[in-house]
Amino acid sequence: MRPGRKKLIWMAPVAILGMVFFAFIGGEIIMHLWNWLVPQIVGWRQITFWQALGLLVLCRILFGGLGWRGHVRSNMRRRWEQRWDQMTPEEREKVRGRWRGRCGPFEPPSATPTE
């Protein structure tokens, strides 16, 4: 057996236990904060651990993503900035024209007529 596989065999269960541990801690924290604050402030009822864990997952999906897109977006932005820096002014204007064709003309708010 190769040394890398030996390391993977014991790291996989440790990683799974770590994820379970952090999910448990997150659920407990959400549950205790909710039960401490929300019933007194808003008057809603208390929640269970499983409801708190579901709330944590829901918030992660809605507001935090699943951890995939942020890295991809930053890489795309960095690559685009590198390409933009290497373009000549004529190429930049051509790209701007294509974006205007897709998105329509943009006028700053101060240039729009007021009634």
PDB file of N, CA and C in Angstrom:
ATOM      1  N   MET A   1       0.841  -1.176   0.000  1.00  0.00           N
ATOM      2  CA  MET A   1       0.000   0.000   0.000  1.00  0.00           C
ATOM      3  C   MET A   1       0.892   1.248   0.000  1.00  0.00           C
ATOM      4  N   ARG A   2       0.526   2.225  -0.842  1.00  0.00           N
ATOM      5  CA  ARG A   2       1.310   3.451  -0.933  1.00  0.00           C
ATOM      6  C   ARG A   2       1.102   4.312   0.313  1.00  0.00           C
ATOM      7  N   PRO A   3       2.111   5.120   0.662  1.00  0.00           N
ATOM      8  CA  PRO A   3       1.990   5.954   1.869  1.00  0.00           C
ATOM      9  C   PRO A   3       0.844   6.961   1.788  1.00  0.00           C
ATOM     10  N   GLY A   4       0.537   7.466   0.618  1.00  0.00           N
ATOM     11  CA  GLY A   4      -0.557   8.432   0.481  1.00  0.00           C
ATOM     12  C   GLY A   4      -1.906   7.818   0.808  1.00  0.00           C
ATOM     13  N   ARG A   5      -2.095   6.562   0.443  1.00  0.00           N
ATOM     14  CA  ARG A   5      -3.367   5.884   0.728  1.00  0.00           C
ATOM     15  C   ARG A   5      -3.512   5.606   2.217  1.00  0.00           C
ATOM     16  N   LYS A   6      -2.405   5.266   2.875  1.00  0.00           N
ATOM     17  CA  LYS A   6      -2.462   5.025   4.320  1.00  0.00           C
ATOM     18  C   LYS A   6      -2.918   6.286   5.048  1.00  0.00           C
ATOM     19  N   LYS A   7      -2.366   7.399   4.614  1.00  0.00           N
ATOM     20  CA  LYS A   7      -2.732   8.666   5.233  1.00  0.00           C
ATOM     21  C   LYS A   7      -4.207   8.987   4.978  1.00  0.00           C
ATOM     22  N   LEU A   8      -4.679   8.696   3.770  1.00  0.00           N
ATOM     23  CA  LEU A   8      -6.063   8.965   3.411  1.00  0.00           C
ATOM     24  C   LEU A   8      -7.031   8.087   4.202  1.00  0.00           C
ATOM     25  N   ILE A   9      -6.625   6.872   4.491  1.00  0.00           N
ATOM     26  CA  ILE A   9      -7.505   5.946   5.209  1.00  0.00           C
ATOM     27  C   ILE A   9      -7.848   6.472   6.597  1.00  0.00           C
ATOM     28  N   TRP A  10      -6.909   7.062   7.304  1.00  0.00           N
ATOM     29  CA  TRP A  10      -7.241   7.563   8.639  1.00  0.00           C
ATOM     30  C   TRP A  10      -7.711   9.012   8.602  1.00  0.00           C
ATOM     31  N   MET A  11      -7.414   9.758   7.526  1.00  0.00           N
ATOM     32  CA  MET A  11      -7.865  11.155   7.461  1.00  0.00           C
ATOM     33  C   MET A  11      -9.342  11.266   7.098  1.00  0.00           C
ATOM     34  N   ALA A  12      -9.881  10.351   6.309  1.00  0.00           N
ATOM     35  CA  ALA A  12     -11.286  10.422   5.919  1.00  0.00           C
ATOM     36  C   ALA A  12     -12.213  10.334   7.134  1.00  0.00           C
ATOM     37  N   PRO A  13     -12.028   9.351   8.041  1.00  0.00           N
ATOM     38  CA  PRO A  13     -12.897   9.341   9.226  1.00  0.00           C
ATOM     39  C   PRO A  13     -12.721  10.563  10.118  1.00  0.00           C
ATOM     40  N   VAL A  14     -11.488  11.061  10.222  1.00  0.00           N
ATOM     41  CA  VAL A  14     -11.249  12.263  11.032  1.00  0.00           C
ATOM     42  C   VAL A  14     -11.970  13.462  10.416  1.00  0.00           C
ATOM     43  N   ALA A  15     -11.939  13.565   9.094  1.00  0.00           N
ATOM     44  CA  ALA A  15     -12.628  14.675   8.428  1.00  0.00           C
ATOM     45  C   ALA A  15     -14.140  14.579   8.629  1.00  0.00           C
ATOM     46  N   ILE A  16     -14.678  13.378   8.530  1.00  0.00           N
ATOM     47  CA  ILE A  16     -16.122  13.196   8.739  1.00  0.00           C
ATOM     48  C   ILE A  16     -16.501  13.544  10.170  1.00  0.00           C
ATOM     49  N   LEU A  17     -15.704  13.099  11.121  1.00  0.00           N
ATOM     50  CA  LEU A  17     -15.970  13.448  12.524  1.00  0.00           C
ATOM     51  C   LEU A  17     -15.873  14.960  12.753  1.00  0.00           C
ATOM     52  N   GLY A  18     -14.921  15.601  12.100  1.00  0.00           N
ATOM     53  CA  GLY A  18     -14.793  17.056  12.212  1.00  0.00           C
ATOM     54  C   GLY A  18     -16.009  17.786  11.674  1.00  0.00           C
ATOM     55  N   MET A  19     -16.523  17.323  10.534  1.00  0.00           N
ATOM     56  CA  MET A  19     -17.723  17.951   9.970  1.00  0.00           C
ATOM     57  C   MET A  19     -18.929  17.757  10.884  1.00  0.00           C
ATOM     58  N   VAL A  20     -19.067  16.552  11.440  1.00  0.00           N
ATOM     59  CA  VAL A  20     -20.169  16.279  12.359  1.00  0.00           C
ATOM     60  C   VAL A  20     -20.046  17.157  13.607  1.00  0.00           C
ATOM     61  N   PHE A  21     -18.820  17.294  14.117  1.00  0.00           N
ATOM     62  CA  PHE A  21     -18.571  18.114  15.305  1.00  0.00           C
ATOM     63  C   PHE A  21     -18.954  19.571  15.046  1.00  0.00           C
ATOM     64  N   PHE A  22     -18.505  20.129  13.905  1.00  0.00           N
ATOM     65  CA  PHE A  22     -18.813  21.526  13.612  1.00  0.00           C
ATOM     66  C   PHE A  22     -20.299  21.727  13.343  1.00  0.00           C
ATOM     67  N   ALA A  23     -20.968  20.750  12.729  1.00  0.00           N
ATOM     68  CA  ALA A  23     -22.422  20.851  12.526  1.00  0.00           C
ATOM     69  C   ALA A  23     -23.135  20.839  13.870  1.00  0.00           C
ATOM     70  N   PHE A  24     -22.678  19.982  14.787  1.00  0.00           N
ATOM     71  CA  PHE A  24     -23.283  19.908  16.111  1.00  0.00           C
ATOM     72  C   PHE A  24     -23.100  21.234  16.856  1.00  0.00           C
ATOM     73  N   ILE A  25     -21.879  21.757  16.850  1.00  0.00           N
ATOM     74  CA  ILE A  25     -21.605  23.031  17.537  1.00  0.00           C
ATOM     75  C   ILE A  25     -22.425  24.160  16.912  1.00  0.00           C
ATOM     76  N   GLY A  26     -22.472  24.217  15.571  1.00  0.00           N
ATOM     77  CA  GLY A  26     -23.255  25.259  14.902  1.00  0.00           C
ATOM     78  C   GLY A  26     -24.725  25.169  15.245  1.00  0.00           C
ATOM     79  N   GLY A  27     -25.274  23.955  15.241  1.00  0.00           N
ATOM     80  CA  GLY A  27     -26.687  23.776  15.592  1.00  0.00           C
ATOM     81  C   GLY A  27     -26.976  24.185  17.019  1.00  0.00           C
ATOM     82  N   GLU A  28     -26.081  23.809  17.918  1.00  0.00           N
ATOM     83  CA  GLU A  28     -26.267  24.180  19.325  1.00  0.00           C
ATOM     84  C   GLU A  28     -26.220  25.697  19.511  1.00  0.00           C
ATOM     85  N   ILE A  29     -25.277  26.344  18.859  1.00  0.00           N
ATOM     86  CA  ILE A  29     -25.148  27.800  18.993  1.00  0.00           C
ATOM     87  C   ILE A  29     -26.400  28.492  18.459  1.00  0.00           C
ATOM     88  N   ILE A  30     -26.856  28.081  17.267  1.00  0.00           N
ATOM     89  CA  ILE A  30     -28.061  28.679  16.677  1.00  0.00           C
ATOM     90  C   ILE A  30     -29.267  28.448  17.582  1.00  0.00           C
ATOM     91  N   MET A  31     -29.414  27.212  18.084  1.00  0.00           N
ATOM     92  CA  MET A  31     -30.560  26.886  18.931  1.00  0.00           C
ATOM     93  C   MET A  31     -30.570  27.745  20.196  1.00  0.00           C
ATOM     94  N   HIS A  32     -29.420  27.839  20.880  1.00  0.00           N
ATOM     95  CA  HIS A  32     -29.373  28.602  22.123  1.00  0.00           C
ATOM     96  C   HIS A  32     -29.574  30.102  21.880  1.00  0.00           C
ATOM     97  N   LEU A  33     -28.976  30.632  20.806  1.00  0.00           N
ATOM     98  CA  LEU A  33     -29.191  32.051  20.507  1.00  0.00           C
ATOM     99  C   LEU A  33     -30.647  32.327  20.168  1.00  0.00           C
ATOM    100  N   TRP A  34     -31.250  31.474  19.356  1.00  0.00           N
ATOM    101  CA  TRP A  34     -32.658  31.655  18.987  1.00  0.00           C
ATOM    102  C   TRP A  34     -33.539  31.598  20.231  1.00  0.00           C
ATOM    103  N   ASN A  35     -33.351  30.556  21.033  1.00  0.00           N
ATOM    104  CA  ASN A  35     -34.211  30.372  22.202  1.00  0.00           C
ATOM    105  C   ASN A  35     -33.984  31.444  23.267  1.00  0.00           C
ATOM    106  N   TRP A  36     -32.838  32.070  23.236  1.00  0.00           N
ATOM    107  CA  TRP A  36     -32.544  33.127  24.193  1.00  0.00           C
ATOM    108  C   TRP A  36     -33.119  34.461  23.729  1.00  0.00           C
ATOM    109  N   LEU A  37     -33.025  34.735  22.412  1.00  0.00           N
ATOM    110  CA  LEU A  37     -33.401  36.064  21.919  1.00  0.00           C
ATOM    111  C   LEU A  37     -34.785  36.154  21.286  1.00  0.00           C
ATOM    112  N   VAL A  38     -35.089  35.286  20.366  1.00  0.00           N
ATOM    113  CA  VAL A  38     -36.279  35.454  19.531  1.00  0.00           C
ATOM    114  C   VAL A  38     -37.589  35.376  20.319  1.00  0.00           C
ATOM    115  N   PRO A  39     -37.775  34.408  21.229  1.00  0.00           N
ATOM    116  CA  PRO A  39     -39.063  34.399  21.952  1.00  0.00           C
ATOM    117  C   PRO A  39     -39.311  35.670  22.756  1.00  0.00           C
ATOM    118  N   GLN A  40     -38.269  36.262  23.298  1.00  0.00           N
ATOM    119  CA  GLN A  40     -38.449  37.474  24.094  1.00  0.00           C
ATOM    120  C   GLN A  40     -38.641  38.710  23.225  1.00  0.00           C
ATOM    121  N   ILE A  41     -37.967  38.757  22.079  1.00  0.00           N
ATOM    122  CA  ILE A  41     -38.042  39.946  21.227  1.00  0.00           C
ATOM    123  C   ILE A  41     -39.288  39.925  20.349  1.00  0.00           C
ATOM    124  N   VAL A  42     -39.519  38.817  19.658  1.00  0.00           N
ATOM    125  CA  VAL A  42     -40.577  38.738  18.662  1.00  0.00           C
ATOM    126  C   VAL A  42     -41.784  37.977  19.172  1.00  0.00           C
ATOM    127  N   GLY A  43     -41.588  37.090  20.138  1.00  0.00           N
ATOM    128  CA  GLY A  43     -42.688  36.308  20.675  1.00  0.00           C
ATOM    129  C   GLY A  43     -42.894  34.977  19.975  1.00  0.00           C
ATOM    130  N   TRP A  44     -41.950  34.580  19.119  1.00  0.00           N
ATOM    131  CA  TRP A  44     -42.060  33.279  18.459  1.00  0.00           C
ATOM    132  C   TRP A  44     -41.653  32.199  19.439  1.00  0.00           C
ATOM    133  N   ARG A  45     -42.010  30.963  19.121  1.00  0.00           N
ATOM    134  CA  ARG A  45     -41.723  29.858  20.040  1.00  0.00           C
ATOM    135  C   ARG A  45     -40.274  29.393  19.923  1.00  0.00           C
ATOM    136  N   GLN A  46     -39.856  28.593  20.883  1.00  0.00           N
ATOM    137  CA  GLN A  46     -38.500  28.056  20.877  1.00  0.00           C
ATOM    138  C   GLN A  46     -38.375  26.951  19.828  1.00  0.00           C
ATOM    139  N   ILE A  47     -37.125  26.674  19.415  1.00  0.00           N
ATOM    140  CA  ILE A  47     -36.885  25.654  18.402  1.00  0.00           C
ATOM    141  C   ILE A  47     -36.042  24.526  18.980  1.00  0.00           C
ATOM    142  N   THR A  48     -36.062  23.381  18.289  1.00  0.00           N
ATOM    143  CA  THR A  48     -35.262  22.225  18.700  1.00  0.00           C
ATOM    144  C   THR A  48     -33.902  22.278  18.014  1.00  0.00           C
ATOM    145  N   PHE A  49     -33.041  21.358  18.397  1.00  0.00           N
ATOM    146  CA  PHE A  49     -31.714  21.276  17.785  1.00  0.00           C
ATOM    147  C   PHE A  49     -31.823  21.032  16.284  1.00  0.00           C
ATOM    148  N   TRP A  50     -32.708  20.134  15.863  1.00  0.00           N
ATOM    149  CA  TRP A  50     -32.816  19.795  14.443  1.00  0.00           C
ATOM    150  C   TRP A  50     -33.374  20.957  13.638  1.00  0.00           C
ATOM    151  N   GLN A  51     -34.269  21.721  14.217  1.00  0.00           N
ATOM    152  CA  GLN A  51     -34.761  22.916  13.538  1.00  0.00           C
ATOM    153  C   GLN A  51     -33.655  23.954  13.413  1.00  0.00           C
ATOM    154  N   ALA A  52     -32.826  24.074  14.447  1.00  0.00           N
ATOM    155  CA  ALA A  52     -31.706  25.010  14.400  1.00  0.00           C
ATOM    156  C   ALA A  52     -30.691  24.586  13.340  1.00  0.00           C
ATOM    157  N   LEU A  53     -30.441  23.283  13.246  1.00  0.00           N
ATOM    158  CA  LEU A  53     -29.515  22.784  12.232  1.00  0.00           C
ATOM    159  C   LEU A  53     -30.082  23.043  10.833  1.00  0.00           C
ATOM    160  N   GLY A  54     -31.381  22.836  10.652  1.00  0.00           N
ATOM    161  CA  GLY A  54     -32.014  23.147   9.379  1.00  0.00           C
ATOM    162  C   GLY A  54     -31.937  24.621   9.053  1.00  0.00           C
ATOM    163  N   LEU A  55     -32.114  25.472  10.050  1.00  0.00           N
ATOM    164  CA  LEU A  55     -32.004  26.912   9.860  1.00  0.00           C
ATOM    165  C   LEU A  55     -30.580  27.299   9.464  1.00  0.00           C
ATOM    166  N   LEU A  56     -29.604  26.668  10.090  1.00  0.00           N
ATOM    167  CA  LEU A  56     -28.205  26.918   9.757  1.00  0.00           C
ATOM    168  C   LEU A  56     -27.912  26.539   8.315  1.00  0.00           C
ATOM    169  N   VAL A  57     -28.389  25.389   7.883  1.00  0.00           N
ATOM    170  CA  VAL A  57     -28.179  24.948   6.500  1.00  0.00           C
ATOM    171  C   VAL A  57     -28.896  25.878   5.531  1.00  0.00           C
ATOM    172  N   LEU A  58     -30.124  26.254   5.850  1.00  0.00           N
ATOM    173  CA  LEU A  58     -30.884  27.148   4.989  1.00  0.00           C
ATOM    174  C   LEU A  58     -30.183  28.493   4.827  1.00  0.00           C
ATOM    175  N   CYS A  59     -29.692  29.051   5.922  1.00  0.00           N
ATOM    176  CA  CYS A  59     -28.982  30.332   5.854  1.00  0.00           C
ATOM    177  C   CYS A  59     -27.691  30.205   5.058  1.00  0.00           C
ATOM    178  N   ARG A  60     -27.021  29.090   5.207  1.00  0.00           N
ATOM    179  CA  ARG A  60     -25.792  28.857   4.456  1.00  0.00           C
ATOM    180  C   ARG A  60     -26.076  28.807   2.962  1.00  0.00           C
ATOM    181  N   ILE A  61     -27.161  28.142   2.583  1.00  0.00           N
ATOM    182  CA  ILE A  61     -27.522  28.052   1.171  1.00  0.00           C
ATOM    183  C   ILE A  61     -27.951  29.413   0.637  1.00  0.00           C
ATOM    184  N   LEU A  62     -28.801  30.116   1.374  1.00  0.00           N
ATOM    185  CA  LEU A  62     -29.344  31.380   0.882  1.00  0.00           C
ATOM    186  C   LEU A  62     -28.335  32.511   0.884  1.00  0.00           C
ATOM    187  N   PHE A  63     -27.541  32.617   1.942  1.00  0.00           N
ATOM    188  CA  PHE A  63     -26.679  33.780   2.096  1.00  0.00           C
ATOM    189  C   PHE A  63     -25.193  33.501   1.932  1.00  0.00           C
ATOM    190  N   GLY A  64     -24.763  32.289   2.203  1.00  0.00           N
ATOM    191  CA  GLY A  64     -23.335  32.008   2.151  1.00  0.00           C
ATOM    192  C   GLY A  64     -22.915  31.150   0.996  1.00  0.00           C
ATOM    193  N   GLY A  65     -23.845  30.659   0.219  1.00  0.00           N
ATOM    194  CA  GLY A  65     -23.492  29.751  -0.849  1.00  0.00           C
ATOM    195  C   GLY A  65     -23.022  28.431  -0.266  1.00  0.00           C
ATOM    196  N   LEU A  66     -22.468  27.612  -1.097  1.00  0.00           N
ATOM    197  CA  LEU A  66     -21.969  26.330  -0.635  1.00  0.00           C
ATOM    198  C   LEU A  66     -20.454  26.285  -0.654  1.00  0.00           C
ATOM    199  N   GLY A  67     -19.814  27.434  -0.781  1.00  0.00           N
ATOM    200  CA  GLY A  67     -18.366  27.481  -0.740  1.00  0.00           C
ATOM    201  C   GLY A  67     -17.695  27.266  -2.075  1.00  0.00           C
ATOM    202  N   TRP A  68     -18.471  27.162  -3.161  1.00  0.00           N
ATOM    203  CA  TRP A  68     -17.864  26.896  -4.450  1.00  0.00           C
ATOM    204  C   TRP A  68     -17.662  28.164  -5.254  1.00  0.00           C
ATOM    205  N   ARG A  69     -18.617  29.052  -5.239  1.00  0.00           N
ATOM    206  CA  ARG A  69     -18.620  30.154  -6.182  1.00  0.00           C
ATOM    207  C   ARG A  69     -17.654  31.279  -5.843  1.00  0.00           C
ATOM    208  N   GLY A  70     -17.420  31.542  -4.580  1.00  0.00           N
ATOM    209  CA  GLY A  70     -16.560  32.661  -4.219  1.00  0.00           C
ATOM    210  C   GLY A  70     -15.171  32.527  -4.783  1.00  0.00           C
ATOM    211  N   HIS A  71     -14.605  31.342  -4.730  1.00  0.00           N
ATOM    212  CA  HIS A  71     -13.267  31.119  -5.251  1.00  0.00           C
ATOM    213  C   HIS A  71     -13.255  31.268  -6.763  1.00  0.00           C
ATOM    214  N   VAL A  72     -14.267  30.754  -7.419  1.00  0.00           N
ATOM    215  CA  VAL A  72     -14.345  30.841  -8.874  1.00  0.00           C
ATOM    216  C   VAL A  72     -14.501  32.289  -9.305  1.00  0.00           C
ATOM    217  N   ARG A  73     -15.343  33.033  -8.601  1.00  0.00           N
ATOM    218  CA  ARG A  73     -15.544  34.438  -8.954  1.00  0.00           C
ATOM    219  C   ARG A  73     -14.266  35.232  -8.816  1.00  0.00           C
ATOM    220  N   SER A  74     -13.507  35.013  -7.748  1.00  0.00           N
ATOM    221  CA  SER A  74     -12.285  35.780  -7.556  1.00  0.00           C
ATOM    222  C   SER A  74     -11.263  35.432  -8.630  1.00  0.00           C
ATOM    223  N   ASN A  75     -11.208  34.167  -9.036  1.00  0.00           N
ATOM    224  CA  ASN A  75     -10.295  33.790 -10.112  1.00  0.00           C
ATOM    225  C   ASN A  75     -10.710  34.410 -11.426  1.00  0.00           C
ATOM    226  N   MET A  76     -12.016  34.411 -11.712  1.00  0.00           N
ATOM    227  CA  MET A  76     -12.495  35.013 -12.952  1.00  0.00           C
ATOM    228  C   MET A  76     -12.204  36.506 -12.970  1.00  0.00           C
ATOM    229  N   ARG A  77     -12.409  37.152 -11.849  1.00  0.00           N
ATOM    230  CA  ARG A  77     -12.150  38.596 -11.795  1.00  0.00           C
ATOM    231  C   ARG A  77     -10.671  38.894 -12.015  1.00  0.00           C
ATOM    232  N   ARG A  78      -9.815  38.105 -11.381  1.00  0.00           N
ATOM    233  CA  ARG A  78      -8.372  38.316 -11.538  1.00  0.00           C
ATOM    234  C   ARG A  78      -7.943  38.097 -12.984  1.00  0.00           C
ATOM    235  N   ARG A  79      -8.462  37.036 -13.621  1.00  0.00           N
ATOM    236  CA  ARG A  79      -8.118  36.775 -15.021  1.00  0.00           C
ATOM    237  C   ARG A  79      -8.633  37.882 -15.921  1.00  0.00           C
ATOM    238  N   TRP A  80      -9.859  38.363 -15.667  1.00  0.00           N
ATOM    239  CA  TRP A  80     -10.418  39.436 -16.474  1.00  0.00           C
ATOM    240  C   TRP A  80      -9.602  40.717 -16.318  1.00  0.00           C
ATOM    241  N   GLU A  81      -9.182  41.016 -15.099  1.00  0.00           N
ATOM    242  CA  GLU A  81      -8.365  42.209 -14.885  1.00  0.00           C
ATOM    243  C   GLU A  81      -7.029  42.101 -15.611  1.00  0.00           C
ATOM    244  N   GLN A  82      -6.432  40.926 -15.627  1.00  0.00           N
ATOM    245  CA  GLN A  82      -5.185  40.737 -16.367  1.00  0.00           C
ATOM    246  C   GLN A  82      -5.401  40.937 -17.862  1.00  0.00           C
ATOM    247  N   ARG A  83      -6.501  40.372 -18.385  1.00  0.00           N
ATOM    248  CA  ARG A  83      -6.797  40.543 -19.807  1.00  0.00           C
ATOM    249  C   ARG A  83      -7.063  42.009 -20.128  1.00  0.00           C
ATOM    250  N   TRP A  84      -7.791  42.678 -19.248  1.00  0.00           N
ATOM    251  CA  TRP A  84      -8.133  44.088 -19.464  1.00  0.00           C
ATOM    252  C   TRP A  84      -6.870  44.949 -19.490  1.00  0.00           C
ATOM    253  N   ASP A  85      -5.933  44.672 -18.598  1.00  0.00           N
ATOM    254  CA  ASP A  85      -4.691  45.440 -18.552  1.00  0.00           C
ATOM    255  C   ASP A  85      -3.852  45.253 -19.809  1.00  0.00           C
ATOM    256  N   GLN A  86      -3.974  44.111 -20.453  1.00  0.00           N
ATOM    257  CA  GLN A  86      -3.183  43.829 -21.651  1.00  0.00           C
ATOM    258  C   GLN A  86      -3.837  44.343 -22.928  1.00  0.00           C
ATOM    259  N   MET A  87      -5.086  44.823 -22.847  1.00  0.00           N
ATOM    260  CA  MET A  87      -5.793  45.303 -24.032  1.00  0.00           C
ATOM    261  C   MET A  87      -5.348  46.707 -24.406  1.00  0.00           C
ATOM    262  N   THR A  88      -5.429  46.980 -25.709  1.00  0.00           N
ATOM    263  CA  THR A  88      -5.176  48.335 -26.189  1.00  0.00           C
ATOM    264  C   THR A  88      -6.461  49.142 -25.970  1.00  0.00           C
ATOM    265  N   PRO A  89      -6.377  50.468 -26.030  1.00  0.00           N
ATOM    266  CA  PRO A  89      -7.596  51.282 -25.869  1.00  0.00           C
ATOM    267  C   PRO A  89      -8.681  50.944 -26.901  1.00  0.00           C
ATOM    268  N   GLU A  90      -8.276  50.589 -28.125  1.00  0.00           N
ATOM    269  CA  GLU A  90      -9.263  50.221 -29.148  1.00  0.00           C
ATOM    270  C   GLU A  90      -9.978  48.930 -28.773  1.00  0.00           C
ATOM    271  N   GLU A  91      -9.230  47.952 -28.261  1.00  0.00           N
ATOM    272  CA  GLU A  91      -9.834  46.687 -27.843  1.00  0.00           C
ATOM    273  C   GLU A  91     -10.785  46.903 -26.660  1.00  0.00           C
ATOM    274  N   ARG A  92     -10.390  47.778 -25.754  1.00  0.00           N
ATOM    275  CA  ARG A  92     -11.253  48.068 -24.602  1.00  0.00           C
ATOM    276  C   ARG A  92     -12.570  48.692 -25.054  1.00  0.00           C
ATOM    277  N   GLU A  93     -12.485  49.622 -26.005  1.00  0.00           N
ATOM    278  CA  GLU A  93     -13.700  50.261 -26.499  1.00  0.00           C
ATOM    279  C   GLU A  93     -14.585  49.256 -27.235  1.00  0.00           C
ATOM    280  N   LYS A  94     -13.968  48.316 -27.927  1.00  0.00           N
ATOM    281  CA  LYS A  94     -14.728  47.270 -28.610  1.00  0.00           C
ATOM    282  C   LYS A  94     -15.483  46.410 -27.594  1.00  0.00           C
ATOM    283  N   VAL A  95     -14.823  46.052 -26.477  1.00  0.00           N
ATOM    284  CA  VAL A  95     -15.470  45.266 -25.422  1.00  0.00           C
ATOM    285  C   VAL A  95     -16.601  46.069 -24.795  1.00  0.00           C
ATOM    286  N   ARG A  96     -16.354  47.352 -24.532  1.00  0.00           N
ATOM    287  CA  ARG A  96     -17.413  48.204 -23.978  1.00  0.00           C
ATOM    288  C   ARG A  96     -18.616  48.259 -24.912  1.00  0.00           C
ATOM    289  N   GLY A  97     -18.358  48.343 -26.215  1.00  0.00           N
ATOM    290  CA  GLY A  97     -19.445  48.368 -27.191  1.00  0.00           C
ATOM    291  C   GLY A  97     -20.253  47.082 -27.176  1.00  0.00           C
ATOM    292  N   ARG A  98     -19.573  45.950 -27.042  1.00  0.00           N
ATOM    293  CA  ARG A  98     -20.295  44.670 -26.959  1.00  0.00           C
ATOM    294  C   ARG A  98     -21.172  44.634 -25.714  1.00  0.00           C
ATOM    295  N   TRP A  99     -20.654  45.134 -24.592  1.00  0.00           N
ATOM    296  CA  TRP A  99     -21.451  45.134 -23.356  1.00  0.00           C
ATOM    297  C   TRP A  99     -22.625  46.099 -23.476  1.00  0.00           C
ATOM    298  N   ARG A 100     -22.411  47.233 -24.149  1.00  0.00           N
ATOM    299  CA  ARG A 100     -23.530  48.160 -24.357  1.00  0.00           C
ATOM    300  C   ARG A 100     -24.605  47.504 -25.213  1.00  0.00           C
ATOM    301  N   GLY A 101     -24.180  46.704 -26.193  1.00  0.00           N
ATOM    302  CA  GLY A 101     -25.143  46.010 -27.042  1.00  0.00           C
ATOM    303  C   GLY A 101     -25.947  44.982 -26.264  1.00  0.00           C
ATOM    304  N   ARG A 102     -25.326  44.350 -25.284  1.00  0.00           N
ATOM    305  CA  ARG A 102     -26.016  43.346 -24.474  1.00  0.00           C
ATOM    306  C   ARG A 102     -26.894  43.984 -23.405  1.00  0.00           C
ATOM    307  N   CYS A 103     -26.367  45.004 -22.741  1.00  0.00           N
ATOM    308  CA  CYS A 103     -27.029  45.560 -21.563  1.00  0.00           C
ATOM    309  C   CYS A 103     -27.762  46.857 -21.842  1.00  0.00           C
ATOM    310  N   GLY A 104     -27.561  47.451 -22.990  1.00  0.00           N
ATOM    311  CA  GLY A 104     -28.189  48.727 -23.301  1.00  0.00           C
ATOM    312  C   GLY A 104     -27.310  49.877 -22.838  1.00  0.00           C
ATOM    313  N   PRO A 105     -27.618  51.069 -23.290  1.00  0.00           N
ATOM    314  CA  PRO A 105     -26.803  52.225 -22.900  1.00  0.00           C
ATOM    315  C   PRO A 105     -26.985  52.554 -21.422  1.00  0.00           C
ATOM    316  N   PHE A 106     -25.935  53.035 -20.845  1.00  0.00           N
ATOM    317  CA  PHE A 106     -25.980  53.412 -19.437  1.00  0.00           C
ATOM    318  C   PHE A 106     -25.764  54.902 -19.324  1.00  0.00           C
ATOM    319  N   GLU A 107     -26.652  55.551 -18.611  1.00  0.00           N
ATOM    320  CA  GLU A 107     -26.506  56.968 -18.343  1.00  0.00           C
ATOM    321  C   GLU A 107     -26.498  57.149 -16.824  1.00  0.00           C
ATOM    322  N   PRO A 108     -25.549  57.922 -16.334  1.00  0.00           N
ATOM    323  CA  PRO A 108     -25.529  58.154 -14.888  1.00  0.00           C
ATOM    324  C   PRO A 108     -26.810  58.830 -14.430  1.00  0.00           C
ATOM    325  N   PRO A 109     -27.211  58.658 -13.192  1.00  0.00           N
ATOM    326  CA  PRO A 109     -28.461  59.269 -12.695  1.00  0.00           C
ATOM    327  C   PRO A 109     -28.512  60.771 -12.857  1.00  0.00           C
ATOM    328  N   SER A 110     -27.363  61.465 -12.780  1.00  0.00           N
ATOM    329  CA  SER A 110     -27.375  62.917 -12.878  1.00  0.00           C
ATOM    330  C   SER A 110     -27.687  63.373 -14.304  1.00  0.00           C
ATOM    331  N   ALA A 111     -27.485  62.518 -15.301  1.00  0.00           N
ATOM    332  CA  ALA A 111     -27.732  62.903 -16.693  1.00  0.00           C
ATOM    333  C   ALA A 111     -29.178  62.684 -17.110  1.00  0.00           C
ATOM    334  N   THR A 112     -29.966  61.990 -16.312  1.00  0.00           N
ATOM    335  CA  THR A 112     -31.365  61.750 -16.669  1.00  0.00           C
ATOM    336  C   THR A 112     -32.188  62.999 -16.406  1.00  0.00           C
ATOM    337  N   PRO A 113     -33.115  63.347 -17.305  1.00  0.00           N
ATOM    338  CA  PRO A 113     -33.928  64.555 -17.077  1.00  0.00           C
ATOM    339  C   PRO A 113     -34.913  64.329 -15.924  1.00  0.00           C
ATOM    340  N   THR A 114     -35.119  65.356 -15.156  1.00  0.00           N
ATOM    341  CA  THR A 114     -36.068  65.290 -14.051  1.00  0.00           C
ATOM    342  C   THR A 114     -37.333  66.044 -14.445  1.00  0.00           C
ATOM    343  N   GLU A 115     -38.448  65.608 -13.928  1.00  0.00           N
ATOM    344  CA  GLU A 115     -39.724  66.257 -14.268  1.00  0.00           C
ATOM    345  C   GLU A 115     -40.140  67.226 -13.207  1.00  0.00           C
TER     346      GLU A 115
END
